[in-house]
Amino acid sequence: MPRSPYKLIFRPYEVGKLKLRSRLICGPMFVGYANTDGTVSERMLAHYERRAQGRPAMLITEHMAVNPAGAQFSNMVVLSDQKCLPGLTQLAERIKKYGPVAVAQIYHAGRYAGPWEQYKKARRLAPSATPFPLFGDMEATPQEMTLDEIQETIQAFADAAALVKAAGFDGVELHGATGYLLSQFLSPRMNKREDAYGGSLDNRMKFPLDVFAAVRKAVGQEFIIGYQCLVKEFVPEGWDFPESGQFAQRLQKEGVDYFIPQGGTIESWNDPDVRQTLQIETYQVDLIKKF
């Protein structure tokens, strides 16, 4: 009898301190079903319950903002207020009822924080005040984060992770891809700082590594911490190998439990050549192998 090419998928797998019943993962995908006050809605609960009924070994939620300044849309969960705890608790319960390990993805949009139609009316945070194309012909310039804002944001990640843990989730995933804030600090194109958070690779890695350390301290060693990692920007002079591999090695040394590699950012996805690449099935396989 021929061996099934899918046999490995159904074998148990260890992630951190937890044992997954298989290697089937329901990955993060934003649907925008949250209430406009940043809390979990009934529609969102129903959506994730349906996903959990498919019995993946691990289910990772869509990205949730660590604070209002990091939110991209009005219909997403914002983890800076205790009022979202009851809904988060229900969400973890709905997911875990069917067996999956429940992981919440958290992030800060950085220069992509919204609402975009009001971009110039608020302070949009980024490593540097580097202009970039927001949409169409619209060019936007974020504000360079102060050192105080950097520390406040690091603490916001830690507090958000602690809230996720209090809600009953098994882990948290840091969204460090798509061109959001964690990856903005890594990118030599986006990060033009001349202090301890910019310049050399070690300096550009400092912010995401500080975030990881603060989150680990907040949730402890038993709690899963994953990292969705940008490995290639697909833009000239952008974040790329070998630096992305060196960053992954540092995260592994610090104790990250798993990686999800990703290529491309919101900016590069608007490039026709990159968009053509995205239309190829499993276009990221080569990136992952190299990673």
Foldseek 3Di string as FASTA:
>chain_A
DDDDPCPQQQPWDDFQQDIFRGNFEAEEDDDLQADLVQARDPVNLVVLLVVLLVPGRAYEYHEAELALLQAQDSRHHHQVDCVRLVRLLSSQCSNPVSPHQYEYEYAGQAQNHDPPVCSVVDAGEACDQAWAANDDPDIHTHHHDDPVRLVVVLVSLQSSLLSSVVSPHQAYEYECDQNGHLVLLQWLNNHPDDDQSDDDNNNSNVSVVSSVVSNCVSNDSRGAYEYAFEAEAQDPSTHHPPSSVVSVVVVVVVPHRYYRYDYHHPRNCPPPVVVVCVVDPPSCPVVVVVD
